[in-house]
Amino acid sequence: MSGNVDRRVRRTRQAIQRALVELILEKGYEPATVTDLIDRADVGRSTFYAHFTDKQAVLFSSLDELAFLRPAPSGDGPLFAFSLPMFEHVAEQRRLVRALLGRRGGKAVITRSEQILAGIVREELLARGATASVSLDLTITCVVGAFMALARTWADEEITATPAEIDAVFRATVGPGVAATLGQS
């Protein structure tokens, strides 16, 4: 019985998350309402609130799923090893990423995505010997900005490239500057 309940819970959560993606693609994040989500997912209001507190909780659960793709921070190996798996995931989940990070995603989406990515980048740079400082914060801002700009532009299909091509440009653009900042030139 427990397995069936878990599957039902997972299916309901996924239906609500899919409904949010569809609504964002249709009319944007901001105009979409909880009532729209309930109607689109074909769930009751009490069912919705049993799973999520509000529309933003649905959004954050979708964004948090994108962050799981990163390896543990490491002081060795290639810089920003998280980037290729994330770009590959963007390619696999282009519709979701376009809804969340594209033009119709809204400020809350971009802000949360940037916070998640900044945490990933901070962990990696600290693992590589960086120390907390204004310089580190500025470096993180630059890396996050470059990654997000590429991901958003690519998800909105303004550029055509493979995940490996996007990753190569990202690494070539930010890698040397970050390495120099860390004193690893």
N, C-alpha and C. Protein backbone atom coordinates (compact mmCIF):
# COMPACT_ATOMS: atom_id res chain seq x y z
N MET A 1 0.83 -1.19 0.00
CA MET A 1 0.00 0.00 0.00
C MET A 1 0.87 1.25 0.00
N SER A 2 1.94 1.24 0.80
CA SER A 2 2.81 2.42 0.90
C SER A 2 3.43 2.79 -0.44
N GLY A 3 3.81 1.78 -1.24
CA GLY A 3 4.37 2.05 -2.55
C GLY A 3 3.37 2.75 -3.46
N ASN A 4 2.10 2.32 -3.39
CA ASN A 4 1.05 2.95 -4.19
C ASN A 4 0.82 4.39 -3.76
N VAL A 5 0.85 4.62 -2.45
CA VAL A 5 0.67 5.98 -1.94
C VAL A 5 1.82 6.86 -2.43
N ASP A 6 3.06 6.36 -2.35
CA ASP A 6 4.21 7.11 -2.82
C ASP A 6 4.08 7.43 -4.30
N ARG A 7 3.66 6.46 -5.09
CA ARG A 7 3.48 6.69 -6.53
C ARG A 7 2.40 7.73 -6.79
N ARG A 8 1.30 7.65 -6.04
CA ARG A 8 0.21 8.62 -6.20
C ARG A 8 0.68 10.02 -5.84
N VAL A 9 1.42 10.12 -4.75
CA VAL A 9 1.95 11.43 -4.32
C VAL A 9 2.88 11.97 -5.39
N ARG A 10 3.77 11.14 -5.88
CA ARG A 10 4.73 11.56 -6.92
C ARG A 10 3.99 11.98 -8.20
N ARG A 11 2.98 11.20 -8.61
CA ARG A 11 2.21 11.54 -9.81
C ARG A 11 1.46 12.87 -9.64
N THR A 12 0.89 13.08 -8.46
CA THR A 12 0.16 14.32 -8.22
C THR A 12 1.11 15.51 -8.24
N ARG A 13 2.24 15.38 -7.56
CA ARG A 13 3.23 16.47 -7.57
C ARG A 13 3.72 16.76 -8.99
N GLN A 14 3.99 15.71 -9.74
CA GLN A 14 4.45 15.90 -11.13
C GLN A 14 3.37 16.53 -12.00
N ALA A 15 2.11 16.17 -11.79
CA ALA A 15 1.02 16.77 -12.57
C ALA A 15 0.93 18.27 -12.28
N ILE A 16 1.09 18.63 -11.03
CA ILE A 16 1.05 20.05 -10.66
C ILE A 16 2.26 20.78 -11.23
N GLN A 17 3.44 20.18 -11.15
CA GLN A 17 4.64 20.80 -11.72
C GLN A 17 4.51 20.96 -13.24
N ARG A 18 3.99 19.93 -13.92
CA ARG A 18 3.77 20.02 -15.38
C ARG A 18 2.78 21.13 -15.71
N ALA A 19 1.73 21.23 -14.90
CA ALA A 19 0.73 22.28 -15.12
C ALA A 19 1.37 23.65 -15.03
N LEU A 20 2.28 23.85 -14.06
CA LEU A 20 2.95 25.14 -13.93
C LEU A 20 3.81 25.42 -15.16
N VAL A 21 4.53 24.43 -15.63
CA VAL A 21 5.36 24.62 -16.83
C VAL A 21 4.48 25.02 -18.00
N GLU A 22 3.39 24.32 -18.21
CA GLU A 22 2.48 24.64 -19.33
C GLU A 22 1.94 26.06 -19.20
N LEU A 23 1.55 26.45 -17.99
CA LEU A 23 1.00 27.79 -17.78
C LEU A 23 2.07 28.86 -18.01
N ILE A 24 3.28 28.60 -17.56
CA ILE A 24 4.36 29.58 -17.77
C ILE A 24 4.61 29.75 -19.27
N LEU A 25 4.62 28.65 -20.00
CA LEU A 25 4.85 28.73 -21.44
C LEU A 25 3.70 29.48 -22.14
N GLU A 26 2.50 29.31 -21.64
CA GLU A 26 1.34 29.96 -22.26
C GLU A 26 1.24 31.44 -21.92
N LYS A 27 1.35 31.74 -20.61
CA LYS A 27 1.08 33.13 -20.23
C LYS A 27 2.09 33.75 -19.29
N GLY A 28 3.12 33.00 -18.92
CA GLY A 28 4.14 33.53 -18.02
C GLY A 28 3.89 33.13 -16.58
N TYR A 29 4.91 33.26 -15.75
CA TYR A 29 4.82 32.85 -14.34
C TYR A 29 3.90 33.77 -13.54
N GLU A 30 4.13 35.05 -13.64
CA GLU A 30 3.40 36.01 -12.81
C GLU A 30 1.88 35.91 -12.96
N PRO A 31 1.35 35.86 -14.20
CA PRO A 31 -0.11 35.82 -14.35
C PRO A 31 -0.75 34.49 -13.93
N ALA A 32 0.02 33.41 -13.89
CA ALA A 32 -0.53 32.10 -13.53
C ALA A 32 -0.94 32.11 -12.06
N THR A 33 -2.11 31.54 -11.77
CA THR A 33 -2.62 31.52 -10.39
C THR A 33 -2.70 30.08 -9.88
N VAL A 34 -2.89 29.94 -8.59
CA VAL A 34 -3.08 28.61 -8.00
C VAL A 34 -4.34 27.98 -8.60
N THR A 35 -5.38 28.76 -8.79
CA THR A 35 -6.60 28.23 -9.41
C THR A 35 -6.31 27.69 -10.81
N ASP A 36 -5.49 28.42 -11.58
CA ASP A 36 -5.09 27.92 -12.90
C ASP A 36 -4.37 26.58 -12.78
N LEU A 37 -3.47 26.49 -11.80
CA LEU A 37 -2.72 25.25 -11.58
C LEU A 37 -3.64 24.10 -11.23
N ILE A 38 -4.56 24.34 -10.33
CA ILE A 38 -5.51 23.31 -9.89
C ILE A 38 -6.35 22.83 -11.07
N ASP A 39 -6.84 23.78 -11.86
CA ASP A 39 -7.65 23.41 -13.03
C ASP A 39 -6.83 22.62 -14.05
N ARG A 40 -5.62 23.10 -14.34
CA ARG A 40 -4.79 22.45 -15.36
C ARG A 40 -4.35 21.07 -14.90
N ALA A 41 -3.99 20.92 -13.64
CA ALA A 41 -3.53 19.62 -13.12
C ALA A 41 -4.69 18.69 -12.81
N ASP A 42 -5.90 19.24 -12.81
CA ASP A 42 -7.11 18.47 -12.51
C ASP A 42 -7.02 17.82 -11.12
N VAL A 43 -6.69 18.66 -10.14
CA VAL A 43 -6.66 18.22 -8.75
C VAL A 43 -7.52 19.17 -7.93
N GLY A 44 -7.93 18.71 -6.78
CA GLY A 44 -8.72 19.54 -5.89
C GLY A 44 -7.84 20.55 -5.16
N ARG A 45 -8.46 21.60 -4.67
CA ARG A 45 -7.73 22.63 -3.93
C ARG A 45 -7.05 22.03 -2.70
N SER A 46 -7.74 21.18 -1.95
CA SER A 46 -7.13 20.58 -0.76
C SER A 46 -5.97 19.66 -1.14
N THR A 47 -6.08 18.98 -2.28
CA THR A 47 -4.98 18.13 -2.76
C THR A 47 -3.77 19.00 -3.08
N PHE A 48 -4.01 20.10 -3.79
CA PHE A 48 -2.90 21.02 -4.11
C PHE A 48 -2.18 21.43 -2.83
N TYR A 49 -2.95 21.90 -1.83
CA TYR A 49 -2.35 22.41 -0.60
C TYR A 49 -1.77 21.31 0.29
N ALA A 50 -2.13 20.06 0.03
CA ALA A 50 -1.49 18.95 0.74
C ALA A 50 -0.07 18.73 0.25
N HIS A 51 0.21 19.20 -0.98
CA HIS A 51 1.52 19.00 -1.58
C HIS A 51 2.37 20.26 -1.61
N PHE A 52 1.75 21.41 -1.79
CA PHE A 52 2.48 22.68 -1.93
C PHE A 52 1.77 23.78 -1.15
N THR A 53 2.55 24.72 -0.65
CA THR A 53 1.96 25.82 0.10
C THR A 53 1.42 26.92 -0.81
N ASP A 54 2.04 27.06 -1.99
CA ASP A 54 1.63 28.10 -2.93
C ASP A 54 2.30 27.85 -4.28
N LYS A 55 2.04 28.74 -5.22
CA LYS A 55 2.61 28.62 -6.57
C LYS A 55 4.13 28.65 -6.53
N GLN A 56 4.69 29.48 -5.66
CA GLN A 56 6.14 29.59 -5.58
C GLN A 56 6.76 28.28 -5.09
N ALA A 57 6.10 27.56 -4.21
CA ALA A 57 6.63 26.27 -3.74
C ALA A 57 6.69 25.26 -4.89
N VAL A 58 5.72 25.31 -5.79
CA VAL A 58 5.75 24.44 -6.98
C VAL A 58 6.96 24.82 -7.83
N LEU A 59 7.12 26.10 -8.03
CA LEU A 59 8.24 26.61 -8.81
C LEU A 59 9.57 26.17 -8.22
N PHE A 60 9.76 26.40 -6.92
CA PHE A 60 11.03 26.07 -6.28
C PHE A 60 11.29 24.57 -6.31
N SER A 61 10.25 23.75 -6.20
CA SER A 61 10.48 22.30 -6.26
C SER A 61 10.99 21.91 -7.65
N SER A 62 10.49 22.58 -8.69
CA SER A 62 10.97 22.30 -10.05
C SER A 62 12.41 22.76 -10.22
N LEU A 63 12.74 23.92 -9.69
CA LEU A 63 14.10 24.44 -9.80
C LEU A 63 15.08 23.61 -8.99
N ASP A 64 14.68 23.21 -7.80
CA ASP A 64 15.57 22.42 -6.95
C ASP A 64 15.92 21.09 -7.60
N GLU A 65 15.02 20.54 -8.41
CA GLU A 65 15.31 19.30 -9.12
C GLU A 65 16.43 19.48 -10.13
N LEU A 66 16.57 20.69 -10.68
CA LEU A 66 17.65 20.94 -11.64
C LEU A 66 19.02 20.96 -10.97
N ALA A 67 19.06 21.31 -9.68
CA ALA A 67 20.33 21.46 -8.98
C ALA A 67 20.96 20.12 -8.59
N PHE A 68 20.21 19.04 -8.63
CA PHE A 68 20.75 17.77 -8.18
C PHE A 68 21.83 17.22 -9.11
N LEU A 69 22.00 17.81 -10.25
CA LEU A 69 22.90 17.27 -11.27
C LEU A 69 24.37 17.51 -11.01
N ARG A 70 24.69 18.22 -10.00
CA ARG A 70 26.09 18.60 -9.81
C ARG A 70 26.84 17.58 -8.98
N PRO A 71 28.11 17.40 -9.28
CA PRO A 71 28.93 16.53 -8.44
C PRO A 71 29.30 17.25 -7.15
N ALA A 72 29.80 16.51 -6.19
CA ALA A 72 30.26 17.13 -4.95
C ALA A 72 31.41 18.08 -5.27
N PRO A 73 31.50 19.21 -4.54
CA PRO A 73 32.59 20.15 -4.82
C PRO A 73 33.94 19.48 -4.62
N SER A 74 34.86 19.82 -5.49
CA SER A 74 36.17 19.19 -5.45
C SER A 74 37.25 20.23 -5.64
N GLY A 75 38.37 20.00 -4.99
CA GLY A 75 39.51 20.90 -5.12
C GLY A 75 40.39 20.54 -6.31
N ASP A 76 40.09 19.43 -6.98
CA ASP A 76 40.89 19.05 -8.14
C ASP A 76 39.95 18.70 -9.29
N GLY A 77 40.52 18.32 -10.41
CA GLY A 77 39.70 18.04 -11.57
C GLY A 77 39.36 19.34 -12.30
N PRO A 78 38.58 19.23 -13.35
CA PRO A 78 38.27 20.43 -14.14
C PRO A 78 37.41 21.41 -13.36
N LEU A 79 37.67 22.67 -13.61
CA LEU A 79 36.90 23.74 -12.99
C LEU A 79 35.46 23.69 -13.51
N PHE A 80 34.51 23.82 -12.60
CA PHE A 80 33.08 23.84 -12.93
C PHE A 80 32.61 22.57 -13.63
N ALA A 81 32.93 21.44 -13.02
CA ALA A 81 32.51 20.15 -13.57
C ALA A 81 30.99 20.01 -13.62
N PHE A 82 30.27 20.85 -12.90
CA PHE A 82 28.82 20.80 -12.92
C PHE A 82 28.23 21.27 -14.25
N SER A 83 28.97 22.06 -15.02
CA SER A 83 28.37 22.75 -16.16
C SER A 83 27.90 21.81 -17.27
N LEU A 84 28.71 20.87 -17.70
CA LEU A 84 28.29 20.00 -18.79
C LEU A 84 27.05 19.18 -18.41
N PRO A 85 27.02 18.53 -17.24
CA PRO A 85 25.79 17.81 -16.88
C PRO A 85 24.56 18.72 -16.83
N MET A 86 24.74 19.95 -16.37
CA MET A 86 23.59 20.86 -16.33
C MET A 86 23.16 21.26 -17.74
N PHE A 87 24.11 21.54 -18.63
CA PHE A 87 23.74 21.88 -20.00
C PHE A 87 23.09 20.68 -20.70
N GLU A 88 23.57 19.47 -20.41
CA GLU A 88 22.94 18.27 -20.98
C GLU A 88 21.50 18.14 -20.48
N HIS A 89 21.30 18.45 -19.20
CA HIS A 89 19.95 18.39 -18.63
C HIS A 89 19.05 19.45 -19.28
N VAL A 90 19.61 20.63 -19.52
CA VAL A 90 18.85 21.67 -20.21
C VAL A 90 18.38 21.14 -21.57
N ALA A 91 19.27 20.44 -22.27
CA ALA A 91 18.91 19.89 -23.58
C ALA A 91 17.79 18.86 -23.45
N GLU A 92 17.88 18.01 -22.44
CA GLU A 92 16.87 16.96 -22.23
C GLU A 92 15.54 17.55 -21.76
N GLN A 93 15.61 18.60 -20.98
CA GLN A 93 14.41 19.20 -20.38
C GLN A 93 14.18 20.61 -20.91
N ARG A 94 14.42 20.81 -22.18
CA ARG A 94 14.37 22.16 -22.76
C ARG A 94 13.04 22.85 -22.48
N ARG A 95 11.94 22.13 -22.59
CA ARG A 95 10.63 22.75 -22.37
C ARG A 95 10.51 23.26 -20.93
N LEU A 96 10.92 22.45 -19.96
CA LEU A 96 10.89 22.86 -18.57
C LEU A 96 11.80 24.06 -18.35
N VAL A 97 13.01 23.98 -18.84
CA VAL A 97 13.98 25.06 -18.64
C VAL A 97 13.51 26.33 -19.33
N ARG A 98 12.95 26.21 -20.52
CA ARG A 98 12.44 27.38 -21.22
C ARG A 98 11.33 28.04 -20.41
N ALA A 99 10.47 27.21 -19.82
CA ALA A 99 9.39 27.76 -19.00
C ALA A 99 9.93 28.44 -17.76
N LEU A 100 10.91 27.82 -17.12
CA LEU A 100 11.41 28.34 -15.86
C LEU A 100 12.38 29.50 -16.03
N LEU A 101 13.29 29.39 -16.99
CA LEU A 101 14.36 30.38 -17.12
C LEU A 101 14.21 31.31 -18.31
N GLY A 102 13.31 30.99 -19.20
CA GLY A 102 13.13 31.81 -20.40
C GLY A 102 12.43 33.13 -20.12
N ARG A 103 12.08 33.81 -21.18
CA ARG A 103 11.48 35.15 -21.09
C ARG A 103 10.23 35.20 -20.24
N ARG A 104 9.47 34.11 -20.19
CA ARG A 104 8.19 34.12 -19.47
C ARG A 104 8.31 33.62 -18.03
N GLY A 105 9.52 33.32 -17.59
CA GLY A 105 9.70 32.72 -16.28
C GLY A 105 9.45 33.64 -15.11
N GLY A 106 9.78 34.88 -15.21
CA GLY A 106 9.54 35.80 -14.11
C GLY A 106 10.75 35.98 -13.22
N LYS A 107 10.74 37.06 -12.48
CA LYS A 107 11.85 37.43 -11.61
C LYS A 107 12.12 36.40 -10.51
N ALA A 108 11.06 35.87 -9.91
CA ALA A 108 11.24 34.90 -8.82
C ALA A 108 11.99 33.67 -9.32
N VAL A 109 11.72 33.27 -10.55
CA VAL A 109 12.38 32.09 -11.13
C VAL A 109 13.86 32.35 -11.31
N ILE A 110 14.18 33.48 -11.91
CA ILE A 110 15.58 33.82 -12.18
C ILE A 110 16.33 33.98 -10.87
N THR A 111 15.74 34.67 -9.91
CA THR A 111 16.39 34.89 -8.62
C THR A 111 16.71 33.56 -7.93
N ARG A 112 15.73 32.66 -7.88
CA ARG A 112 15.94 31.37 -7.22
C ARG A 112 17.01 30.55 -7.96
N SER A 113 16.95 30.56 -9.28
CA SER A 113 17.95 29.82 -10.07
C SER A 113 19.35 30.36 -9.80
N GLU A 114 19.49 31.67 -9.78
CA GLU A 114 20.79 32.28 -9.51
C GLU A 114 21.28 31.95 -8.10
N GLN A 115 20.38 31.91 -7.13
CA GLN A 115 20.78 31.55 -5.76
C GLN A 115 21.30 30.12 -5.70
N ILE A 116 20.60 29.21 -6.35
CA ILE A 116 21.02 27.80 -6.36
C ILE A 116 22.39 27.67 -7.02
N LEU A 117 22.55 28.30 -8.17
CA LEU A 117 23.82 28.21 -8.90
C LEU A 117 24.95 28.89 -8.13
N ALA A 118 24.67 30.01 -7.50
CA ALA A 118 25.69 30.70 -6.71
C ALA A 118 26.18 29.81 -5.57
N GLY A 119 25.30 29.06 -4.96
CA GLY A 119 25.70 28.13 -3.90
C GLY A 119 26.61 27.03 -4.43
N ILE A 120 26.29 26.52 -5.61
CA ILE A 120 27.10 25.48 -6.25
C ILE A 120 28.50 26.02 -6.55
N VAL A 121 28.56 27.21 -7.16
CA VAL A 121 29.84 27.81 -7.54
C VAL A 121 30.65 28.15 -6.28
N ARG A 122 30.02 28.70 -5.27
CA ARG A 122 30.71 29.05 -4.02
C ARG A 122 31.34 27.81 -3.39
N GLU A 123 30.57 26.72 -3.31
CA GLU A 123 31.10 25.48 -2.72
C GLU A 123 32.34 25.02 -3.48
N GLU A 124 32.27 25.06 -4.80
CA GLU A 124 33.41 24.60 -5.60
C GLU A 124 34.63 25.48 -5.39
N LEU A 125 34.44 26.78 -5.43
CA LEU A 125 35.58 27.69 -5.29
C LEU A 125 36.19 27.61 -3.89
N LEU A 126 35.36 27.46 -2.87
CA LEU A 126 35.90 27.29 -1.52
C LEU A 126 36.67 25.98 -1.41
N ALA A 127 36.17 24.92 -2.06
CA ALA A 127 36.87 23.63 -2.05
C ALA A 127 38.22 23.73 -2.75
N ARG A 128 38.36 24.70 -3.65
CA ARG A 128 39.61 24.90 -4.39
C ARG A 128 40.54 25.90 -3.70
N GLY A 129 40.18 26.30 -2.50
CA GLY A 129 41.09 27.14 -1.72
C GLY A 129 40.75 28.61 -1.68
N ALA A 130 39.67 29.03 -2.32
CA ALA A 130 39.28 30.45 -2.24
C ALA A 130 38.85 30.77 -0.81
N THR A 131 39.01 32.01 -0.45
CA THR A 131 38.55 32.43 0.87
C THR A 131 37.40 33.41 0.70
N ALA A 132 36.50 33.38 1.66
CA ALA A 132 35.35 34.27 1.62
C ALA A 132 35.84 35.72 1.57
N SER A 133 35.39 36.46 0.57
CA SER A 133 35.80 37.85 0.41
C SER A 133 34.90 38.52 -0.61
N VAL A 134 35.06 39.81 -0.72
CA VAL A 134 34.32 40.55 -1.75
C VAL A 134 34.72 40.06 -3.13
N SER A 135 36.01 39.79 -3.31
CA SER A 135 36.50 39.29 -4.59
C SER A 135 35.83 37.96 -4.96
N LEU A 136 35.67 37.07 -3.99
CA LEU A 136 35.00 35.80 -4.24
C LEU A 136 33.55 36.04 -4.63
N ASP A 137 32.87 36.92 -3.91
CA ASP A 137 31.48 37.22 -4.22
C ASP A 137 31.32 37.78 -5.64
N LEU A 138 32.23 38.65 -6.04
CA LEU A 138 32.18 39.21 -7.39
C LEU A 138 32.46 38.14 -8.44
N THR A 139 33.40 37.26 -8.15
CA THR A 139 33.72 36.17 -9.07
C THR A 139 32.50 35.26 -9.25
N ILE A 140 31.85 34.94 -8.17
CA ILE A 140 30.64 34.10 -8.22
C ILE A 140 29.57 34.78 -9.06
N THR A 141 29.40 36.07 -8.87
CA THR A 141 28.40 36.82 -9.65
C THR A 141 28.70 36.74 -11.14
N CYS A 142 29.98 36.86 -11.51
CA CYS A 142 30.37 36.76 -12.92
C CYS A 142 30.10 35.38 -13.49
N VAL A 143 30.45 34.34 -12.76
CA VAL A 143 30.26 32.97 -13.22
C VAL A 143 28.77 32.67 -13.38
N VAL A 144 27.98 33.02 -12.37
CA VAL A 144 26.54 32.78 -12.42
C VAL A 144 25.92 33.55 -13.59
N GLY A 145 26.33 34.80 -13.77
CA GLY A 145 25.79 35.60 -14.87
C GLY A 145 26.07 34.98 -16.22
N ALA A 146 27.29 34.52 -16.42
CA ALA A 146 27.65 33.90 -17.70
C ALA A 146 26.86 32.61 -17.93
N PHE A 147 26.79 31.77 -16.90
CA PHE A 147 26.07 30.50 -17.04
C PHE A 147 24.60 30.74 -17.33
N MET A 148 23.98 31.62 -16.56
CA MET A 148 22.55 31.88 -16.72
C MET A 148 22.24 32.51 -18.08
N ALA A 149 23.09 33.41 -18.53
CA ALA A 149 22.87 34.04 -19.84
C ALA A 149 22.91 32.98 -20.95
N LEU A 150 23.88 32.09 -20.88
CA LEU A 150 23.97 31.03 -21.89
C LEU A 150 22.76 30.10 -21.80
N ALA A 151 22.40 29.67 -20.59
CA ALA A 151 21.29 28.73 -20.42
C ALA A 151 19.97 29.35 -20.89
N ARG A 152 19.73 30.60 -20.51
CA ARG A 152 18.47 31.26 -20.92
C ARG A 152 18.41 31.47 -22.43
N THR A 153 19.48 31.96 -23.01
CA THR A 153 19.51 32.22 -24.45
C THR A 153 19.34 30.92 -25.22
N TRP A 154 20.00 29.87 -24.76
CA TRP A 154 19.91 28.57 -25.40
C TRP A 154 18.52 27.97 -25.24
N ALA A 155 17.97 28.04 -24.03
CA ALA A 155 16.64 27.48 -23.78
C ALA A 155 15.57 28.19 -24.61
N ASP A 156 15.74 29.49 -24.81
CA ASP A 156 14.80 30.24 -25.64
C ASP A 156 15.06 30.05 -27.13
N GLU A 157 16.03 29.18 -27.45
CA GLU A 157 16.38 28.82 -28.82
C GLU A 157 16.84 30.01 -29.66
N GLU A 158 17.49 30.96 -28.99
CA GLU A 158 18.08 32.09 -29.70
C GLU A 158 19.43 31.72 -30.29
N ILE A 159 20.04 30.66 -29.77
CA ILE A 159 21.27 30.12 -30.33
C ILE A 159 21.10 28.61 -30.48
N THR A 160 21.79 28.04 -31.44
CA THR A 160 21.74 26.60 -31.67
C THR A 160 23.14 26.05 -31.41
N ALA A 161 23.21 25.12 -30.48
CA ALA A 161 24.49 24.49 -30.15
C ALA A 161 24.22 23.21 -29.37
N THR A 162 25.22 22.37 -29.29
CA THR A 162 25.11 21.16 -28.48
C THR A 162 25.48 21.51 -27.04
N PRO A 163 25.11 20.66 -26.09
CA PRO A 163 25.55 20.90 -24.71
C PRO A 163 27.07 21.03 -24.60
N ALA A 164 27.80 20.21 -25.33
CA ALA A 164 29.26 20.26 -25.28
C ALA A 164 29.79 21.60 -25.81
N GLU A 165 29.17 22.12 -26.87
CA GLU A 165 29.60 23.42 -27.41
C GLU A 165 29.32 24.55 -26.43
N ILE A 166 28.14 24.52 -25.83
CA ILE A 166 27.80 25.56 -24.84
C ILE A 166 28.76 25.47 -23.66
N ASP A 167 29.01 24.25 -23.19
CA ASP A 167 29.92 24.05 -22.07
C ASP A 167 31.32 24.54 -22.40
N ALA A 168 31.79 24.25 -23.61
CA ALA A 168 33.14 24.68 -24.00
C ALA A 168 33.25 26.20 -23.99
N VAL A 169 32.23 26.89 -24.48
CA VAL A 169 32.24 28.35 -24.48
C VAL A 169 32.21 28.87 -23.04
N PHE A 170 31.37 28.29 -22.22
CA PHE A 170 31.27 28.70 -20.82
C PHE A 170 32.63 28.56 -20.13
N ARG A 171 33.23 27.38 -20.25
CA ARG A 171 34.51 27.14 -19.58
C ARG A 171 35.63 28.02 -20.14
N ALA A 172 35.68 28.20 -21.46
CA ALA A 172 36.73 29.02 -22.07
C ALA A 172 36.58 30.49 -21.67
N THR A 173 35.35 30.91 -21.48
CA THR A 173 35.09 32.30 -21.14
C THR A 173 35.37 32.60 -19.67
N VAL A 174 34.87 31.75 -18.78
CA VAL A 174 35.02 32.07 -17.35
C VAL A 174 36.21 31.39 -16.69
N GLY A 175 36.64 30.25 -17.22
CA GLY A 175 37.71 29.49 -16.57
C GLY A 175 39.00 30.24 -16.34
N PRO A 176 39.58 30.86 -17.36
CA PRO A 176 40.86 31.57 -17.16
C PRO A 176 40.76 32.70 -16.13
N GLY A 177 39.68 33.44 -16.16
CA GLY A 177 39.53 34.55 -15.19
C GLY A 177 39.38 34.04 -13.78
N VAL A 178 38.62 32.97 -13.59
CA VAL A 178 38.44 32.41 -12.25
C VAL A 178 39.75 31.80 -11.79
N ALA A 179 40.46 31.09 -12.65
CA ALA A 179 41.74 30.49 -12.28
C ALA A 179 42.72 31.59 -11.86
N ALA A 180 42.74 32.70 -12.60
CA ALA A 180 43.63 33.80 -12.24
C ALA A 180 43.23 34.41 -10.89
N THR A 181 41.95 34.53 -10.65
CA THR A 181 41.45 35.06 -9.37
C THR A 181 41.86 34.16 -8.22
N LEU A 182 41.85 32.84 -8.48
CA LEU A 182 42.24 31.88 -7.45
C LEU A 182 43.74 31.72 -7.34
N GLY A 183 44.48 32.38 -8.24
CA GLY A 183 45.93 32.26 -8.22
C GLY A 183 46.43 30.95 -8.82
N GLN A 184 45.64 30.38 -9.75
CA GLN A 184 45.99 29.09 -10.36
C GLN A 184 46.34 29.25 -11.84
N SER A 185 46.74 30.42 -12.27
CA SER A 185 46.97 30.63 -13.70
C SER A 185 48.04 29.80 -14.21
